[in-house]
PDB file of N, CA and C in Angstrom:
ATOM      1  N   MET A   1       4.405  -8.947 -13.288  1.00  0.00           N
ATOM      2  CA  MET A   1       4.109  -7.436 -13.660  1.00  0.00           C
ATOM      3  C   MET A   1       5.211  -6.922 -12.183  1.00  0.00           C
ATOM      4  N   SER A   2       5.182  -5.367 -12.254  1.00  0.00           N
ATOM      5  CA  SER A   2       6.372  -5.398 -11.718  1.00  0.00           C
ATOM      6  C   SER A   2       6.222  -5.035 -10.608  1.00  0.00           C
ATOM      7  N   SER A   3       6.908  -4.761  -9.047  1.00  0.00           N
ATOM      8  CA  SER A   3       7.042  -4.304  -7.948  1.00  0.00           C
ATOM      9  C   SER A   3       6.069  -3.286  -8.462  1.00  0.00           C
ATOM     10  N   ASN A   4       7.501  -2.008  -9.037  1.00  0.00           N
ATOM     11  CA  ASN A   4       7.067  -0.483  -9.220  1.00  0.00           C
ATOM     12  C   ASN A   4       5.617  -0.429  -9.270  1.00  0.00           C
ATOM     13  N   SER A   5       4.882  -1.138 -10.056  1.00  0.00           N
ATOM     14  CA  SER A   5       3.676  -0.621 -10.204  1.00  0.00           C
ATOM     15  C   SER A   5       2.743  -0.996  -9.070  1.00  0.00           C
ATOM     16  N   LEU A   6       2.949  -1.373  -7.974  1.00  0.00           N
ATOM     17  CA  LEU A   6       2.141  -1.157  -6.893  1.00  0.00           C
ATOM     18  C   LEU A   6       2.403  -0.325  -5.989  1.00  0.00           C
ATOM     19  N   LEU A   7       3.000   0.829  -6.303  1.00  0.00           N
ATOM     20  CA  LEU A   7       3.661   1.569  -5.621  1.00  0.00           C
ATOM     21  C   LEU A   7       3.077   3.103  -6.531  1.00  0.00           C
ATOM     22  N   SER A   8       3.057   3.634  -5.344  1.00  0.00           N
ATOM     23  CA  SER A   8       2.138   5.241  -5.793  1.00  0.00           C
ATOM     24  C   SER A   8       4.145   6.035  -5.952  1.00  0.00           C
ATOM     25  N   SER A   9       3.597   6.859  -7.290  1.00  0.00           N
ATOM     26  CA  SER A   9       4.652   7.690  -7.360  1.00  0.00           C
ATOM     27  C   SER A   9       4.718   8.780  -6.827  1.00  0.00           C
ATOM     28  N   ALA A  10       6.404   9.082  -7.010  1.00  0.00           N
ATOM     29  CA  ALA A  10       6.290  10.712  -5.641  1.00  0.00           C
ATOM     30  C   ALA A  10       5.745  11.763  -6.325  1.00  0.00           C
ATOM     31  N   GLY A  11       5.443  12.101  -6.711  1.00  0.00           N
ATOM     32  CA  GLY A  11       4.266  13.006  -7.620  1.00  0.00           C
ATOM     33  C   GLY A  11       2.834  12.878  -7.243  1.00  0.00           C
ATOM     34  N   ALA A  12       2.004  11.197  -7.207  1.00  0.00           N
ATOM     35  CA  ALA A  12       1.074  10.715  -6.484  1.00  0.00           C
ATOM     36  C   ALA A  12       0.968  11.484  -5.225  1.00  0.00           C
ATOM     37  N   LYS A  13       2.147  11.095  -4.298  1.00  0.00           N
ATOM     38  CA  LYS A  13       2.226  11.163  -3.273  1.00  0.00           C
ATOM     39  C   LYS A  13       2.310  12.416  -2.646  1.00  0.00           C
ATOM     40  N   GLN A  14       2.695  13.221  -3.282  1.00  0.00           N
ATOM     41  CA  GLN A  14       3.071  14.954  -2.802  1.00  0.00           C
ATOM     42  C   GLN A  14       1.704  14.951  -3.208  1.00  0.00           C
ATOM     43  N   ARG A  15       1.356  15.056  -4.343  1.00  0.00           N
ATOM     44  CA  ARG A  15      -0.318  15.444  -4.378  1.00  0.00           C
ATOM     45  C   ARG A  15      -1.191  15.276  -3.260  1.00  0.00           C
ATOM     46  N   ASN A  16      -1.549  13.963  -2.995  1.00  0.00           N
ATOM     47  CA  ASN A  16      -1.850  13.444  -1.857  1.00  0.00           C
ATOM     48  C   ASN A  16      -1.763  14.094  -0.369  1.00  0.00           C
ATOM     49  N   PHE A  17      -0.666  14.006  -0.298  1.00  0.00           N
ATOM     50  CA  PHE A  17       0.207  14.992   0.977  1.00  0.00           C
ATOM     51  C   PHE A  17      -0.785  16.155   1.314  1.00  0.00           C
ATOM     52  N   VAL A  18      -0.460  16.922   0.038  1.00  0.00           N
ATOM     53  CA  VAL A  18      -0.800  19.029  -0.305  1.00  0.00           C
ATOM     54  C   VAL A  18      -2.364  18.761   0.180  1.00  0.00           C
ATOM     55  N   ARG A  19      -3.275  17.411  -0.985  1.00  0.00           N
ATOM     56  CA  ARG A  19      -4.684  17.659  -0.588  1.00  0.00           C
ATOM     57  C   ARG A  19      -5.054  17.492   1.081  1.00  0.00           C
ATOM     58  N   ARG A  20      -4.364  16.477   1.669  1.00  0.00           N
ATOM     59  CA  ARG A  20      -5.026  15.814   2.696  1.00  0.00           C
ATOM     60  C   ARG A  20      -4.651  16.760   3.971  1.00  0.00           C
ATOM     61  N   TYR A  21      -3.216  17.378   4.088  1.00  0.00           N
ATOM     62  CA  TYR A  21      -2.648  18.249   4.771  1.00  0.00           C
ATOM     63  C   TYR A  21      -2.747  19.638   5.261  1.00  0.00           C
ATOM     64  N   MET A  22      -2.538  20.322   3.498  1.00  0.00           N
ATOM     65  CA  MET A  22      -1.729  20.970   3.220  1.00  0.00           C
ATOM     66  C   MET A  22      -3.244  22.431   2.750  1.00  0.00           C
ATOM     67  N   GLN A  23      -4.101  22.466   3.395  1.00  0.00           N
ATOM     68  CA  GLN A  23      -5.575  23.009   2.746  1.00  0.00           C
ATOM     69  C   GLN A  23      -5.517  23.993   3.621  1.00  0.00           C
ATOM     70  N   ASP A  24      -6.018  23.774   4.236  1.00  0.00           N
ATOM     71  CA  ASP A  24      -5.452  25.079   5.770  1.00  0.00           C
ATOM     72  C   ASP A  24      -5.247  25.266   7.042  1.00  0.00           C
ATOM     73  N   LYS A  25      -5.820  25.208   7.988  1.00  0.00           N
ATOM     74  CA  LYS A  25      -4.845  25.771   9.436  1.00  0.00           C
ATOM     75  C   LYS A  25      -5.245  23.839  10.325  1.00  0.00           C
ATOM     76  N   GLU A  26      -7.320  23.839   9.520  1.00  0.00           N
ATOM     77  CA  GLU A  26      -7.827  22.239  10.243  1.00  0.00           C
ATOM     78  C   GLU A  26      -6.850  21.020   9.508  1.00  0.00           C
ATOM     79  N   SER A  27      -6.736  21.692   7.969  1.00  0.00           N
ATOM     80  CA  SER A  27      -6.036  19.742   7.947  1.00  0.00           C
ATOM     81  C   SER A  27      -4.490  20.067   8.726  1.00  0.00           C
ATOM     82  N   MET A  28      -4.211  21.373   8.486  1.00  0.00           N
ATOM     83  CA  MET A  28      -2.585  20.967   9.039  1.00  0.00           C
ATOM     84  C   MET A  28      -2.746  20.522  10.324  1.00  0.00           C
ATOM     85  N   LEU A  29      -3.524  20.610  11.325  1.00  0.00           N
ATOM     86  CA  LEU A  29      -3.735  20.084  12.495  1.00  0.00           C
ATOM     87  C   LEU A  29      -3.818  18.854  12.839  1.00  0.00           C
ATOM     88  N   LYS A  30      -4.266  18.123  11.599  1.00  0.00           N
ATOM     89  CA  LYS A  30      -4.127  16.497  11.512  1.00  0.00           C
ATOM     90  C   LYS A  30      -3.250  16.340  11.123  1.00  0.00           C
ATOM     91  N   LEU A  31      -2.523  16.736  11.154  1.00  0.00           N
ATOM     92  CA  LEU A  31      -0.600  15.570  10.942  1.00  0.00           C
ATOM     93  C   LEU A  31      -0.187  15.472  12.080  1.00  0.00           C
ATOM     94  N   PRO A  32      -0.472  13.988  11.380  1.00  0.00           N
ATOM     95  CA  PRO A  32       0.308  13.472  13.460  1.00  0.00           C
ATOM     96  C   PRO A  32       1.902  13.466  13.651  1.00  0.00           C
ATOM     97  N   ARG A  33       1.940  13.594  14.804  1.00  0.00           N
ATOM     98  CA  ARG A  33       3.111  14.032  15.648  1.00  0.00           C
ATOM     99  C   ARG A  33       4.746  12.962  15.282  1.00  0.00           C
ATOM    100  N   ASP A  34       3.833  11.950  14.940  1.00  0.00           N
ATOM    101  CA  ASP A  34       5.147  10.952  14.664  1.00  0.00           C
ATOM    102  C   ASP A  34       4.969  11.122  12.807  1.00  0.00           C
ATOM    103  N   PRO A  35       6.072  11.073  12.572  1.00  0.00           N
ATOM    104  CA  PRO A  35       5.983  10.880  10.760  1.00  0.00           C
ATOM    105  C   PRO A  35       6.088   9.758  10.161  1.00  0.00           C
ATOM    106  N   ASN A  36       6.035   8.409  10.896  1.00  0.00           N
ATOM    107  CA  ASN A  36       6.074   6.930  11.045  1.00  0.00           C
ATOM    108  C   ASN A  36       4.300   6.983  10.973  1.00  0.00           C
ATOM    109  N   SER A  37       3.850   7.647  11.445  1.00  0.00           N
ATOM    110  CA  SER A  37       2.082   7.255  11.411  1.00  0.00           C
ATOM    111  C   SER A  37       0.846   7.628   9.940  1.00  0.00           C
ATOM    112  N   ILE A  38       1.561   8.817   9.160  1.00  0.00           N
ATOM    113  CA  ILE A  38       1.046   8.863   7.864  1.00  0.00           C
ATOM    114  C   ILE A  38       0.844   7.646   6.830  1.00  0.00           C
ATOM    115  N   MET A  39       0.293   7.822   5.718  1.00  0.00           N
ATOM    116  CA  MET A  39      -0.054   6.546   5.645  1.00  0.00           C
ATOM    117  C   MET A  39       0.334   6.201   4.034  1.00  0.00           C
ATOM    118  N   PHE A  40       1.522   5.322   4.349  1.00  0.00           N
ATOM    119  CA  PHE A  40       2.108   5.105   2.654  1.00  0.00           C
ATOM    120  C   PHE A  40       2.173   5.998   1.799  1.00  0.00           C
ATOM    121  N   GLY A  41       0.463   5.895   1.073  1.00  0.00           N
ATOM    122  CA  GLY A  41       0.127   7.103  -0.160  1.00  0.00           C
ATOM    123  C   GLY A  41       0.387   8.069   0.383  1.00  0.00           C
ATOM    124  N   TYR A  42       0.707   8.845   1.331  1.00  0.00           N
ATOM    125  CA  TYR A  42       0.826  10.071   1.717  1.00  0.00           C
ATOM    126  C   TYR A  42       2.206  10.571   1.816  1.00  0.00           C
ATOM    127  N   TRP A  43       3.188   9.691   1.848  1.00  0.00           N
ATOM    128  CA  TRP A  43       4.484  10.098   2.853  1.00  0.00           C
ATOM    129  C   TRP A  43       5.520   8.932   2.224  1.00  0.00           C
ATOM    130  N   TRP A  44       5.565   7.872   1.999  1.00  0.00           N
ATOM    131  CA  TRP A  44       7.243   7.133   1.664  1.00  0.00           C
ATOM    132  C   TRP A  44       6.435   6.942   0.864  1.00  0.00           C
TER     133      TRP A  44
END
């Protein structure tokens, strides 16, 4: 099994990020101040 298959694709991470943090003002307020606090599947 390739280690690449265990990682989220860039497109999936972008969709996850938009769904979680870019829906409305309330979801944008949930963004952590420290980008390192964003979970892997949403950012890295």
